[in-house]
Amino acid sequence: MDAPDGIVSESEEFDDVVVLGLTGELDLSTAPSLRERLLAIGEAGKSIVLDLAGVSFADSTTLGVFVAAHKRLAEHGRRLALANPAPGIRQILEITNLDGVIAVCGTRSDAIAQVRKPWADAGG
């Protein structure tokens, strides 16, 4: 898959999960292509891990993309998890309480494990 607007630095695909490494600033200009990419992955029946280690900024439009993807995936029995957010990004997720809705993990492997948990055990 091609990277939308250069914000996807890497993509790893497993049987049930796609991991996208995101980079740069996620904002109004990048949100539409990110939304499209996440919807396509969800339509393919995969859960998604977004590795935010390379993300320096995320605006409210991007948070809306995360929420929409989370809801859409959940409708189909799949999950979204966020991994490796920088302290500033983690703070935004905490202030908006998105960390209570979408799993936020310190490592990519923890996020993959989180999206693979049975629904009753996931808690996020």
PDB file of N, CA and C in Angstrom:
ATOM      1  N   MET A   1       0.844  -1.188   0.000  1.00  0.00           N
ATOM      2  CA  MET A   1       0.000   0.000   0.000  1.00  0.00           C
ATOM      3  C   MET A   1       0.883   1.244   0.000  1.00  0.00           C
ATOM      4  N   ASP A   2       0.479   2.257  -0.722  1.00  0.00           N
ATOM      5  CA  ASP A   2       1.227   3.505  -0.759  1.00  0.00           C
ATOM      6  C   ASP A   2       0.925   4.329   0.478  1.00  0.00           C
ATOM      7  N   ALA A   3       1.885   5.107   0.892  1.00  0.00           N
ATOM      8  CA  ALA A   3       1.719   5.961   2.069  1.00  0.00           C
ATOM      9  C   ALA A   3       0.928   7.201   1.702  1.00  0.00           C
ATOM     10  N   PRO A   4      -0.139   7.502   2.470  1.00  0.00           N
ATOM     11  CA  PRO A   4      -0.903   8.703   2.169  1.00  0.00           C
ATOM     12  C   PRO A   4      -0.154   9.946   2.604  1.00  0.00           C
ATOM     13  N   ASP A   5       0.103  10.845   1.694  1.00  0.00           N
ATOM     14  CA  ASP A   5       0.732  12.132   2.003  1.00  0.00           C
ATOM     15  C   ASP A   5       2.028  12.007   2.793  1.00  0.00           C
ATOM     16  N   GLY A   6       2.691  10.880   2.698  1.00  0.00           N
ATOM     17  CA  GLY A   6       3.963  10.716   3.370  1.00  0.00           C
ATOM     18  C   GLY A   6       3.890  10.572   4.879  1.00  0.00           C
ATOM     19  N   ILE A   7       2.697  10.402   5.453  1.00  0.00           N
ATOM     20  CA  ILE A   7       2.602  10.293   6.915  1.00  0.00           C
ATOM     21  C   ILE A   7       2.814   8.873   7.410  1.00  0.00           C
ATOM     22  N   VAL A   8       2.692   7.890   6.528  1.00  0.00           N
ATOM     23  CA  VAL A   8       2.937   6.506   6.916  1.00  0.00           C
ATOM     24  C   VAL A   8       4.375   6.172   6.548  1.00  0.00           C
ATOM     25  N   SER A   9       5.202   5.971   7.561  1.00  0.00           N
ATOM     26  CA  SER A   9       6.608   5.686   7.317  1.00  0.00           C
ATOM     27  C   SER A   9       6.865   4.203   7.084  1.00  0.00           C
ATOM     28  N   GLU A  10       5.970   3.368   7.594  1.00  0.00           N
ATOM     29  CA  GLU A  10       6.109   1.930   7.401  1.00  0.00           C
ATOM     30  C   GLU A  10       4.774   1.248   7.616  1.00  0.00           C
ATOM     31  N   SER A  11       4.648   0.070   7.033  1.00  0.00           N
ATOM     32  CA  SER A  11       3.433  -0.721   7.169  1.00  0.00           C
ATOM     33  C   SER A  11       3.833  -2.178   7.308  1.00  0.00           C
ATOM     34  N   GLU A  12       3.286  -2.826   8.331  1.00  0.00           N
ATOM     35  CA  GLU A  12       3.535  -4.240   8.566  1.00  0.00           C
ATOM     36  C   GLU A  12       2.192  -4.934   8.618  1.00  0.00           C
ATOM     37  N   GLU A  13       2.053  -6.029   7.897  1.00  0.00           N
ATOM     38  CA  GLU A  13       0.771  -6.718   7.873  1.00  0.00           C
ATOM     39  C   GLU A  13       0.931  -8.144   8.382  1.00  0.00           C
ATOM     40  N   PHE A  14       0.035  -8.499   9.300  1.00  0.00           N
ATOM     41  CA  PHE A  14      -0.034  -9.847   9.844  1.00  0.00           C
ATOM     42  C   PHE A  14      -1.376 -10.435   9.408  1.00  0.00           C
ATOM     43  N   ASP A  15      -1.664 -11.672   9.791  1.00  0.00           N
ATOM     44  CA  ASP A  15      -2.936 -12.294   9.414  1.00  0.00           C
ATOM     45  C   ASP A  15      -4.137 -11.461   9.843  1.00  0.00           C
ATOM     46  N   ASP A  16      -4.090 -10.907  11.049  1.00  0.00           N
ATOM     47  CA  ASP A  16      -5.260 -10.243  11.621  1.00  0.00           C
ATOM     48  C   ASP A  16      -5.038  -8.784  11.988  1.00  0.00           C
ATOM     49  N   VAL A  17      -3.825  -8.276  11.815  1.00  0.00           N
ATOM     50  CA  VAL A  17      -3.481  -6.924  12.263  1.00  0.00           C
ATOM     51  C   VAL A  17      -2.600  -6.233  11.218  1.00  0.00           C
ATOM     52  N   VAL A  18      -2.873  -4.946  11.013  1.00  0.00           N
ATOM     53  CA  VAL A  18      -1.978  -4.102  10.219  1.00  0.00           C
ATOM     54  C   VAL A  18      -1.397  -3.061  11.157  1.00  0.00           C
ATOM     55  N   VAL A  19      -0.078  -2.928  11.134  1.00  0.00           N
ATOM     56  CA  VAL A  19       0.613  -1.927  11.936  1.00  0.00           C
ATOM     57  C   VAL A  19       1.109  -0.834  11.002  1.00  0.00           C
ATOM     58  N   LEU A  20       0.710   0.390  11.288  1.00  0.00           N
ATOM     59  CA  LEU A  20       1.185   1.532  10.511  1.00  0.00           C
ATOM     60  C   LEU A  20       2.058   2.399  11.399  1.00  0.00           C
ATOM     61  N   GLY A  21       3.269   2.663  10.962  1.00  0.00           N
ATOM     62  CA  GLY A  21       4.135   3.616  11.638  1.00  0.00           C
ATOM     63  C   GLY A  21       3.861   4.988  11.051  1.00  0.00           C
ATOM     64  N   LEU A  22       3.353   5.895  11.860  1.00  0.00           N
ATOM     65  CA  LEU A  22       3.040   7.241  11.384  1.00  0.00           C
ATOM     66  C   LEU A  22       4.158   8.201  11.741  1.00  0.00           C
ATOM     67  N   THR A  23       4.281   9.255  10.951  1.00  0.00           N
ATOM     68  CA  THR A  23       5.356  10.212  11.170  1.00  0.00           C
ATOM     69  C   THR A  23       4.901  11.620  10.829  1.00  0.00           C
ATOM     70  N   GLY A  24       5.522  12.596  11.481  1.00  0.00           N
ATOM     71  CA  GLY A  24       5.257  13.995  11.168  1.00  0.00           C
ATOM     72  C   GLY A  24       4.076  14.565  11.902  1.00  0.00           C
ATOM     73  N   GLU A  25       3.430  15.543  11.257  1.00  0.00           N
ATOM     74  CA  GLU A  25       2.288  16.225  11.848  1.00  0.00           C
ATOM     75  C   GLU A  25       0.997  15.677  11.261  1.00  0.00           C
ATOM     76  N   LEU A  26       0.104  15.260  12.141  1.00  0.00           N
ATOM     77  CA  LEU A  26      -1.198  14.754  11.723  1.00  0.00           C
ATOM     78  C   LEU A  26      -2.205  15.868  11.953  1.00  0.00           C
ATOM     79  N   ASP A  27      -2.745  16.383  10.857  1.00  0.00           N
ATOM     80  CA  ASP A  27      -3.631  17.542  10.976  1.00  0.00           C
ATOM     81  C   ASP A  27      -4.699  17.515   9.894  1.00  0.00           C
ATOM     82  N   LEU A  28      -5.362  18.647   9.728  1.00  0.00           N
ATOM     83  CA  LEU A  28      -6.448  18.770   8.768  1.00  0.00           C
ATOM     84  C   LEU A  28      -6.031  18.359   7.360  1.00  0.00           C
ATOM     85  N   SER A  29      -4.796  18.618   6.997  1.00  0.00           N
ATOM     86  CA  SER A  29      -4.345  18.288   5.645  1.00  0.00           C
ATOM     87  C   SER A  29      -4.068  16.796   5.453  1.00  0.00           C
ATOM     88  N   THR A  30      -3.724  16.080   6.505  1.00  0.00           N
ATOM     89  CA  THR A  30      -3.410  14.656   6.392  1.00  0.00           C
ATOM     90  C   THR A  30      -4.572  13.754   6.794  1.00  0.00           C
ATOM     91  N   ALA A  31      -5.554  14.301   7.503  1.00  0.00           N
ATOM     92  CA  ALA A  31      -6.662  13.505   8.031  1.00  0.00           C
ATOM     93  C   ALA A  31      -7.454  12.750   6.958  1.00  0.00           C
ATOM     94  N   PRO A  32      -7.814  13.371   5.839  1.00  0.00           N
ATOM     95  CA  PRO A  32      -8.618  12.629   4.855  1.00  0.00           C
ATOM     96  C   PRO A  32      -7.929  11.375   4.317  1.00  0.00           C
ATOM     97  N   SER A  33      -6.654  11.466   4.000  1.00  0.00           N
ATOM     98  CA  SER A  33      -5.964  10.292   3.465  1.00  0.00           C
ATOM     99  C   SER A  33      -5.741   9.239   4.554  1.00  0.00           C
ATOM    100  N   LEU A  34      -5.509   9.672   5.782  1.00  0.00           N
ATOM    101  CA  LEU A  34      -5.372   8.718   6.881  1.00  0.00           C
ATOM    102  C   LEU A  34      -6.701   8.004   7.106  1.00  0.00           C
ATOM    103  N   ARG A  35      -7.795   8.756   7.111  1.00  0.00           N
ATOM    104  CA  ARG A  35      -9.129   8.169   7.280  1.00  0.00           C
ATOM    105  C   ARG A  35      -9.386   7.116   6.199  1.00  0.00           C
ATOM    106  N   GLU A  36      -9.075   7.459   4.961  1.00  0.00           N
ATOM    107  CA  GLU A  36      -9.277   6.539   3.841  1.00  0.00           C
ATOM    108  C   GLU A  36      -8.454   5.268   4.024  1.00  0.00           C
ATOM    109  N   ARG A  37      -7.223   5.431   4.431  1.00  0.00           N
ATOM    110  CA  ARG A  37      -6.330   4.280   4.650  1.00  0.00           C
ATOM    111  C   ARG A  37      -6.864   3.365   5.743  1.00  0.00           C
ATOM    112  N   LEU A  38      -7.319   3.962   6.862  1.00  0.00           N
ATOM    113  CA  LEU A  38      -7.832   3.167   7.977  1.00  0.00           C
ATOM    114  C   LEU A  38      -9.122   2.451   7.595  1.00  0.00           C
ATOM    115  N   LEU A  39      -9.992   3.115   6.859  1.00  0.00           N
ATOM    116  CA  LEU A  39     -11.230   2.480   6.412  1.00  0.00           C
ATOM    117  C   LEU A  39     -10.936   1.297   5.497  1.00  0.00           C
ATOM    118  N   ALA A  40      -9.969   1.438   4.603  1.00  0.00           N
ATOM    119  CA  ALA A  40      -9.603   0.349   3.691  1.00  0.00           C
ATOM    120  C   ALA A  40      -9.082  -0.854   4.470  1.00  0.00           C
ATOM    121  N   ILE A  41      -8.286  -0.607   5.481  1.00  0.00           N
ATOM    122  CA  ILE A  41      -7.755  -1.708   6.297  1.00  0.00           C
ATOM    123  C   ILE A  41      -8.892  -2.386   7.047  1.00  0.00           C
ATOM    124  N   GLY A  42      -9.787  -1.583   7.610  1.00  0.00           N
ATOM    125  CA  GLY A  42     -10.940  -2.129   8.319  1.00  0.00           C
ATOM    126  C   GLY A  42     -11.829  -2.959   7.407  1.00  0.00           C
ATOM    127  N   GLU A  43     -12.031  -2.487   6.189  1.00  0.00           N
ATOM    128  CA  GLU A  43     -12.843  -3.227   5.212  1.00  0.00           C
ATOM    129  C   GLU A  43     -12.201  -4.569   4.871  1.00  0.00           C
ATOM    130  N   ALA A  44     -10.886  -4.655   4.995  1.00  0.00           N
ATOM    131  CA  ALA A  44     -10.171  -5.910   4.738  1.00  0.00           C
ATOM    132  C   ALA A  44     -10.263  -6.865   5.931  1.00  0.00           C
ATOM    133  N   GLY A  45     -10.953  -6.441   7.002  1.00  0.00           N
ATOM    134  CA  GLY A  45     -11.169  -7.321   8.151  1.00  0.00           C
ATOM    135  C   GLY A  45     -10.012  -7.402   9.121  1.00  0.00           C
ATOM    136  N   LYS A  46      -9.194  -6.369   9.163  1.00  0.00           N
ATOM    137  CA  LYS A  46      -8.021  -6.372  10.045  1.00  0.00           C
ATOM    138  C   LYS A  46      -8.198  -5.382  11.187  1.00  0.00           C
ATOM    139  N   SER A  47      -7.586  -5.684  12.312  1.00  0.00           N
ATOM    140  CA  SER A  47      -7.438  -4.708  13.384  1.00  0.00           C
ATOM    141  C   SER A  47      -6.240  -3.836  13.031  1.00  0.00           C
ATOM    142  N   ILE A  48      -6.138  -2.677  13.706  1.00  0.00           N
ATOM    143  CA  ILE A  48      -5.101  -1.718  13.342  1.00  0.00           C
ATOM    144  C   ILE A  48      -4.334  -1.253  14.570  1.00  0.00           C
ATOM    145  N   VAL A  49      -3.017  -1.209  14.434  1.00  0.00           N
ATOM    146  CA  VAL A  49      -2.147  -0.581  15.427  1.00  0.00           C
ATOM    147  C   VAL A  49      -1.488   0.602  14.733  1.00  0.00           C
ATOM    148  N   LEU A  50      -1.616   1.766  15.343  1.00  0.00           N
ATOM    149  CA  LEU A  50      -0.945   2.961  14.842  1.00  0.00           C
ATOM    150  C   LEU A  50       0.222   3.270  15.759  1.00  0.00           C
ATOM    151  N   ASP A  51       1.425   3.135  15.234  1.00  0.00           N
ATOM    152  CA  ASP A  51       2.626   3.449  15.997  1.00  0.00           C
ATOM    153  C   ASP A  51       2.896   4.939  15.833  1.00  0.00           C
ATOM    154  N   LEU A  52       2.744   5.678  16.914  1.00  0.00           N
ATOM    155  CA  LEU A  52       2.841   7.137  16.888  1.00  0.00           C
ATOM    156  C   LEU A  52       4.221   7.658  17.271  1.00  0.00           C
ATOM    157  N   ALA A  53       5.219   6.799  17.331  1.00  0.00           N
ATOM    158  CA  ALA A  53       6.558   7.213  17.774  1.00  0.00           C
ATOM    159  C   ALA A  53       7.106   8.382  16.969  1.00  0.00           C
ATOM    160  N   GLY A  54       6.801   8.442  15.691  1.00  0.00           N
ATOM    161  CA  GLY A  54       7.327   9.505  14.839  1.00  0.00           C
ATOM    162  C   GLY A  54       6.405  10.699  14.688  1.00  0.00           C
ATOM    163  N   VAL A  55       5.314  10.726  15.434  1.00  0.00           N
ATOM    164  CA  VAL A  55       4.337  11.810  15.315  1.00  0.00           C
ATOM    165  C   VAL A  55       4.709  12.942  16.258  1.00  0.00           C
ATOM    166  N   SER A  56       4.832  14.135  15.708  1.00  0.00           N
ATOM    167  CA  SER A  56       5.195  15.299  16.517  1.00  0.00           C
ATOM    168  C   SER A  56       4.001  16.166  16.879  1.00  0.00           C
ATOM    169  N   PHE A  57       2.869  15.980  16.178  1.00  0.00           N
ATOM    170  CA  PHE A  57       1.692  16.812  16.420  1.00  0.00           C
ATOM    171  C   PHE A  57       0.460  16.078  15.925  1.00  0.00           C
ATOM    172  N   ALA A  58      -0.634  16.186  16.674  1.00  0.00           N
ATOM    173  CA  ALA A  58      -1.922  15.636  16.237  1.00  0.00           C
ATOM    174  C   ALA A  58      -3.008  16.610  16.658  1.00  0.00           C
ATOM    175  N   ASP A  59      -3.817  17.037  15.685  1.00  0.00           N
ATOM    176  CA  ASP A  59      -4.879  17.991  16.006  1.00  0.00           C
ATOM    177  C   ASP A  59      -6.206  17.272  16.238  1.00  0.00           C
ATOM    178  N   SER A  60      -7.251  18.062  16.505  1.00  0.00           N
ATOM    179  CA  SER A  60      -8.557  17.487  16.823  1.00  0.00           C
ATOM    180  C   SER A  60      -9.152  16.727  15.639  1.00  0.00           C
ATOM    181  N   THR A  61      -8.825  17.124  14.430  1.00  0.00           N
ATOM    182  CA  THR A  61      -9.313  16.399  13.259  1.00  0.00           C
ATOM    183  C   THR A  61      -8.765  14.978  13.264  1.00  0.00           C
ATOM    184  N   THR A  62      -7.508  14.850  13.603  1.00  0.00           N
ATOM    185  CA  THR A  62      -6.877  13.532  13.667  1.00  0.00           C
ATOM    186  C   THR A  62      -7.495  12.694  14.778  1.00  0.00           C
ATOM    187  N   LEU A  63      -7.761  13.303  15.912  1.00  0.00           N
ATOM    188  CA  LEU A  63      -8.408  12.570  16.998  1.00  0.00           C
ATOM    189  C   LEU A  63      -9.769  12.066  16.544  1.00  0.00           C
ATOM    190  N   GLY A  64     -10.468  12.874  15.757  1.00  0.00           N
ATOM    191  CA  GLY A  64     -11.746  12.444  15.193  1.00  0.00           C
ATOM    192  C   GLY A  64     -11.590  11.259  14.262  1.00  0.00           C
ATOM    193  N   VAL A  65     -10.512  11.239  13.492  1.00  0.00           N
ATOM    194  CA  VAL A  65     -10.223  10.101  12.613  1.00  0.00           C
ATOM    195  C   VAL A  65      -9.998   8.848  13.456  1.00  0.00           C
ATOM    196  N   PHE A  66      -9.253   8.978  14.554  1.00  0.00           N
ATOM    197  CA  PHE A  66      -9.018   7.837  15.445  1.00  0.00           C
ATOM    198  C   PHE A  66     -10.335   7.298  15.996  1.00  0.00           C
ATOM    199  N   VAL A  67     -11.197   8.199  16.466  1.00  0.00           N
ATOM    200  CA  VAL A  67     -12.485   7.789  17.044  1.00  0.00           C
ATOM    201  C   VAL A  67     -13.363   7.110  15.984  1.00  0.00           C
ATOM    202  N   ALA A  68     -13.437   7.699  14.797  1.00  0.00           N
ATOM    203  CA  ALA A  68     -14.248   7.109  13.728  1.00  0.00           C
ATOM    204  C   ALA A  68     -13.734   5.718  13.350  1.00  0.00           C
ATOM    205  N   ALA A  69     -12.420   5.578  13.256  1.00  0.00           N
ATOM    206  CA  ALA A  69     -11.838   4.272  12.927  1.00  0.00           C
ATOM    207  C   ALA A  69     -12.125   3.272  14.033  1.00  0.00           C
ATOM    208  N   HIS A  70     -11.984   3.697  15.277  1.00  0.00           N
ATOM    209  CA  HIS A  70     -12.273   2.829  16.428  1.00  0.00           C
ATOM    210  C   HIS A  70     -13.713   2.320  16.356  1.00  0.00           C
ATOM    211  N   LYS A  71     -14.657   3.230  16.129  1.00  0.00           N
ATOM    212  CA  LYS A  71     -16.077   2.844  16.071  1.00  0.00           C
ATOM    213  C   LYS A  71     -16.346   1.904  14.908  1.00  0.00           C
ATOM    214  N   ARG A  72     -15.805   2.226  13.754  1.00  0.00           N
ATOM    215  CA  ARG A  72     -16.037   1.410  12.570  1.00  0.00           C
ATOM    216  C   ARG A  72     -15.450   0.008  12.745  1.00  0.00           C
ATOM    217  N   LEU A  73     -14.262  -0.070  13.282  1.00  0.00           N
ATOM    218  CA  LEU A  73     -13.640  -1.374  13.527  1.00  0.00           C
ATOM    219  C   LEU A  73     -14.447  -2.177  14.543  1.00  0.00           C
ATOM    220  N   ALA A  74     -14.888  -1.523  15.611  1.00  0.00           N
ATOM    221  CA  ALA A  74     -15.656  -2.206  16.655  1.00  0.00           C
ATOM    222  C   ALA A  74     -16.956  -2.791  16.100  1.00  0.00           C
ATOM    223  N   GLU A  75     -17.579  -2.095  15.159  1.00  0.00           N
ATOM    224  CA  GLU A  75     -18.806  -2.598  14.528  1.00  0.00           C
ATOM    225  C   GLU A  75     -18.568  -3.935  13.837  1.00  0.00           C
ATOM    226  N   HIS A  76     -17.336  -4.188  13.446  1.00  0.00           N
ATOM    227  CA  HIS A  76     -16.987  -5.414  12.733  1.00  0.00           C
ATOM    228  C   HIS A  76     -16.135  -6.362  13.577  1.00  0.00           C
ATOM    229  N   GLY A  77     -16.142  -6.141  14.897  1.00  0.00           N
ATOM    230  CA  GLY A  77     -15.415  -7.033  15.792  1.00  0.00           C
ATOM    231  C   GLY A  77     -13.913  -6.877  15.757  1.00  0.00           C
ATOM    232  N   ARG A  78     -13.439  -5.737  15.290  1.00  0.00           N
ATOM    233  CA  ARG A  78     -12.007  -5.451  15.219  1.00  0.00           C
ATOM    234  C   ARG A  78     -11.659  -4.295  16.137  1.00  0.00           C
ATOM    235  N   ARG A  79     -10.368  -4.049  16.308  1.00  0.00           N
ATOM    236  CA  ARG A  79      -9.921  -3.014  17.238  1.00  0.00           C
ATOM    237  C   ARG A  79      -8.882  -2.090  16.632  1.00  0.00           C
ATOM    238  N   LEU A  80      -8.740  -0.943  17.312  1.00  0.00           N
ATOM    239  CA  LEU A  80      -7.682   0.023  17.033  1.00  0.00           C
ATOM    240  C   LEU A  80      -6.908   0.228  18.323  1.00  0.00           C
ATOM    241  N   ALA A  81      -5.594   0.255  18.233  1.00  0.00           N
ATOM    242  CA  ALA A  81      -4.749   0.597  19.374  1.00  0.00           C
ATOM    243  C   ALA A  81      -3.668   1.559  18.908  1.00  0.00           C
ATOM    244  N   LEU A  82      -3.258   2.411  19.815  1.00  0.00           N
ATOM    245  CA  LEU A  82      -2.199   3.377  19.552  1.00  0.00           C
ATOM    246  C   LEU A  82      -0.970   2.962  20.338  1.00  0.00           C
ATOM    247  N   ALA A  83       0.193   3.074  19.732  1.00  0.00           N
ATOM    248  CA  ALA A  83       1.437   2.661  20.385  1.00  0.00           C
ATOM    249  C   ALA A  83       2.449   3.800  20.357  1.00  0.00           C
ATOM    250  N   ASN A  84       3.276   3.838  21.375  1.00  0.00           N
ATOM    251  CA  ASN A  84       4.443   4.729  21.438  1.00  0.00           C
ATOM    252  C   ASN A  84       4.166   6.219  21.284  1.00  0.00           C
ATOM    253  N   PRO A  85       3.097   6.742  21.859  1.00  0.00           N
ATOM    254  CA  PRO A  85       2.901   8.185  21.686  1.00  0.00           C
ATOM    255  C   PRO A  85       3.959   8.974  22.448  1.00  0.00           C
ATOM    256  N   ALA A  86       4.432  10.060  21.844  1.00  0.00           N
ATOM    257  CA  ALA A  86       5.345  10.968  22.537  1.00  0.00           C
ATOM    258  C   ALA A  86       4.594  11.573  23.725  1.00  0.00           C
ATOM    259  N   PRO A  87       5.306  12.073  24.729  1.00  0.00           N
ATOM    260  CA  PRO A  87       4.631  12.627  25.912  1.00  0.00           C
ATOM    261  C   PRO A  87       3.557  13.673  25.592  1.00  0.00           C
ATOM    262  N   GLY A  88       3.811  14.551  24.636  1.00  0.00           N
ATOM    263  CA  GLY A  88       2.819  15.567  24.283  1.00  0.00           C
ATOM    264  C   GLY A  88       1.564  14.965  23.664  1.00  0.00           C
ATOM    265  N   ILE A  89       1.741  13.942  22.836  1.00  0.00           N
ATOM    266  CA  ILE A  89       0.602  13.264  22.210  1.00  0.00           C
ATOM    267  C   ILE A  89      -0.159  12.470  23.270  1.00  0.00           C
ATOM    268  N   ARG A  90       0.560  11.810  24.151  1.00  0.00           N
ATOM    269  CA  ARG A  90      -0.092  11.052  25.232  1.00  0.00           C
ATOM    270  C   ARG A  90      -0.925  12.001  26.097  1.00  0.00           C
ATOM    271  N   GLN A  91      -0.398  13.172  26.375  1.00  0.00           N
ATOM    272  CA  GLN A  91      -1.127  14.147  27.187  1.00  0.00           C
ATOM    273  C   GLN A  91      -2.441  14.545  26.502  1.00  0.00           C
ATOM    274  N   ILE A  92      -2.408  14.756  25.196  1.00  0.00           N
ATOM    275  CA  ILE A  92      -3.630  15.086  24.455  1.00  0.00           C
ATOM    276  C   ILE A  92      -4.638  13.947  24.568  1.00  0.00           C
ATOM    277  N   LEU A  93      -4.167  12.719  24.445  1.00  0.00           N
ATOM    278  CA  LEU A  93      -5.053  11.559  24.549  1.00  0.00           C
ATOM    279  C   LEU A  93      -5.662  11.454  25.945  1.00  0.00           C
ATOM    280  N   GLU A  94      -4.887  11.808  26.962  1.00  0.00           N
ATOM    281  CA  GLU A  94      -5.393  11.776  28.337  1.00  0.00           C
ATOM    282  C   GLU A  94      -6.379  12.907  28.596  1.00  0.00           C
ATOM    283  N   ILE A  95      -6.056  14.120  28.159  1.00  0.00           N
ATOM    284  CA  ILE A  95      -6.929  15.283  28.382  1.00  0.00           C
ATOM    285  C   ILE A  95      -8.287  15.077  27.718  1.00  0.00           C
ATOM    286  N   THR A  96      -8.285  14.496  26.525  1.00  0.00           N
ATOM    287  CA  THR A  96      -9.532  14.269  25.794  1.00  0.00           C
ATOM    288  C   THR A  96     -10.218  12.967  26.209  1.00  0.00           C
ATOM    289  N   ASN A  97      -9.600  12.216  27.099  1.00  0.00           N
ATOM    290  CA  ASN A  97     -10.082  10.922  27.578  1.00  0.00           C
ATOM    291  C   ASN A  97     -10.142   9.865  26.472  1.00  0.00           C
ATOM    292  N   LEU A  98      -9.423  10.082  25.384  1.00  0.00           N
ATOM    293  CA  LEU A  98      -9.385   9.058  24.343  1.00  0.00           C
ATOM    294  C   LEU A  98      -8.653   7.809  24.818  1.00  0.00           C
ATOM    295  N   ASP A  99      -7.743   7.982  25.781  1.00  0.00           N
ATOM    296  CA  ASP A  99      -7.043   6.814  26.317  1.00  0.00           C
ATOM    297  C   ASP A  99      -7.989   5.904  27.099  1.00  0.00           C
ATOM    298  N   GLY A 100      -9.178   6.403  27.430  1.00  0.00           N
ATOM    299  CA  GLY A 100     -10.193   5.577  28.070  1.00  0.00           C
ATOM    300  C   GLY A 100     -11.090   4.867  27.068  1.00  0.00           C
ATOM    301  N   VAL A 101     -10.983   5.251  25.804  1.00  0.00           N
ATOM    302  CA  VAL A 101     -11.815   4.683  24.739  1.00  0.00           C
ATOM    303  C   VAL A 101     -10.978   3.787  23.822  1.00  0.00           C
ATOM    304  N   ILE A 102      -9.818   4.282  23.449  1.00  0.00           N
ATOM    305  CA  ILE A 102      -8.908   3.563  22.548  1.00  0.00           C
ATOM    306  C   ILE A 102      -7.683   3.142  23.354  1.00  0.00           C
ATOM    307  N   ALA A 103      -7.274   1.893  23.196  1.00  0.00           N
ATOM    308  CA  ALA A 103      -6.098   1.403  23.914  1.00  0.00           C
ATOM    309  C   ALA A 103      -4.863   2.188  23.500  1.00  0.00           C
ATOM    310  N   VAL A 104      -4.126   2.683  24.486  1.00  0.00           N
ATOM    311  CA  VAL A 104      -2.864   3.383  24.254  1.00  0.00           C
ATOM    312  C   VAL A 104      -1.783   2.576  24.968  1.00  0.00           C
ATOM    313  N   CYS A 105      -0.811   2.103  24.206  1.00  0.00           N
ATOM    314  CA  CYS A 105       0.205   1.207  24.741  1.00  0.00           C
ATOM    315  C   CYS A 105       1.593   1.806  24.569  1.00  0.00           C
ATOM    316  N   GLY A 106       2.489   1.426  25.457  1.00  0.00           N
ATOM    317  CA  GLY A 106       3.847   1.933  25.419  1.00  0.00           C
ATOM    318  C   GLY A 106       4.715   1.329  24.340  1.00  0.00           C
ATOM    319  N   THR A 107       4.337   0.136  23.875  1.00  0.00           N
ATOM    320  CA  THR A 107       5.130  -0.527  22.841  1.00  0.00           C
ATOM    321  C   THR A 107       4.233  -1.059  21.737  1.00  0.00           C
ATOM    322  N   ARG A 108       4.844  -1.270  20.606  1.00  0.00           N
ATOM    323  CA  ARG A 108       4.123  -1.832  19.465  1.00  0.00           C
ATOM    324  C   ARG A 108       3.640  -3.244  19.781  1.00  0.00           C
ATOM    325  N   SER A 109       4.476  -4.051  20.408  1.00  0.00           N
ATOM    326  CA  SER A 109       4.077  -5.435  20.708  1.00  0.00           C
ATOM    327  C   SER A 109       2.922  -5.475  21.701  1.00  0.00           C
ATOM    328  N   ASP A 110       2.903  -4.559  22.676  1.00  0.00           N
ATOM    329  CA  ASP A 110       1.773  -4.495  23.615  1.00  0.00           C
ATOM    330  C   ASP A 110       0.491  -4.106  22.885  1.00  0.00           C
ATOM    331  N   ALA A 111       0.600  -3.200  21.929  1.00  0.00           N
ATOM    332  CA  ALA A 111      -0.578  -2.767  21.165  1.00  0.00           C
ATOM    333  C   ALA A 111      -1.112  -3.910  20.306  1.00  0.00           C
ATOM    334  N   ILE A 112      -0.216  -4.666  19.700  1.00  0.00           N
ATOM    335  CA  ILE A 112      -0.649  -5.821  18.902  1.00  0.00           C
ATOM    336  C   ILE A 112      -1.362  -6.824  19.795  1.00  0.00           C
ATOM    337  N   ALA A 113      -0.793  -7.097  20.963  1.00  0.00           N
ATOM    338  CA  ALA A 113      -1.440  -8.020  21.904  1.00  0.00           C
ATOM    339  C   ALA A 113      -2.811  -7.488  22.319  1.00  0.00           C
ATOM    340  N   GLN A 114      -2.924  -6.178  22.516  1.00  0.00           N
ATOM    341  CA  GLN A 114      -4.184  -5.570  22.938  1.00  0.00           C
ATOM    342  C   GLN A 114      -5.281  -5.766  21.880  1.00  0.00           C
ATOM    343  N   VAL A 115      -4.968  -5.540  20.610  1.00  0.00           N
ATOM    344  CA  VAL A 115      -6.008  -5.675  19.583  1.00  0.00           C
ATOM    345  C   VAL A 115      -6.372  -7.136  19.312  1.00  0.00           C
ATOM    346  N   ARG A 116      -5.533  -8.046  19.756  1.00  0.00           N
ATOM    347  CA  ARG A 116      -5.819  -9.469  19.576  1.00  0.00           C
ATOM    348  C   ARG A 116      -6.588 -10.082  20.740  1.00  0.00           C
ATOM    349  N   LYS A 117      -6.749  -9.343  21.838  1.00  0.00           N
ATOM    350  CA  LYS A 117      -7.469  -9.877  23.004  1.00  0.00           C
ATOM    351  C   LYS A 117      -8.940 -10.099  22.670  1.00  0.00           C
ATOM    352  N   PRO A 118      -9.525 -11.116  23.298  1.00  0.00           N
ATOM    353  CA  PRO A 118     -10.984 -11.288  23.153  1.00  0.00           C
ATOM    354  C   PRO A 118     -11.688 -10.030  23.724  1.00  0.00           C
ATOM    355  N   TRP A 119     -12.837  -9.690  23.192  1.00  0.00           N
ATOM    356  CA  TRP A 119     -13.551  -8.474  23.586  1.00  0.00           C
ATOM    357  C   TRP A 119     -13.738  -8.347  25.091  1.00  0.00           C
ATOM    358  N   ALA A 120     -14.077  -9.407  25.773  1.00  0.00           N
ATOM    359  CA  ALA A 120     -14.331  -9.333  27.216  1.00  0.00           C
ATOM    360  C   ALA A 120     -13.084  -8.941  28.000  1.00  0.00           C
ATOM    361  N   ASP A 121     -11.895  -9.221  27.456  1.00  0.00           N
ATOM    362  CA  ASP A 121     -10.635  -8.960  28.158  1.00  0.00           C
ATOM    363  C   ASP A 121      -9.964  -7.652  27.761  1.00  0.00           C
ATOM    364  N   ALA A 122     -10.442  -6.995  26.715  1.00  0.00           N
ATOM    365  CA  ALA A 122      -9.696  -5.869  26.135  1.00  0.00           C
ATOM    366  C   ALA A 122      -9.715  -4.615  26.975  1.00  0.00           C
ATOM    367  N   GLY A 123     -10.843  -4.216  27.465  1.00  0.00           N
ATOM    368  CA  GLY A 123     -10.918  -3.040  28.308  1.00  0.00           C
ATOM    369  C   GLY A 123     -10.551  -1.751  27.619  1.00  0.00           C
ATOM    370  N   GLY A 124     -10.694  -1.642  26.311  1.00  0.00           N
ATOM    371  CA  GLY A 124     -10.347  -0.379  25.682  1.00  0.00           C
ATOM    372  C   GLY A 124     -10.783  -0.222  24.297  1.00  0.00           C
TER     373      GLY A 124
END
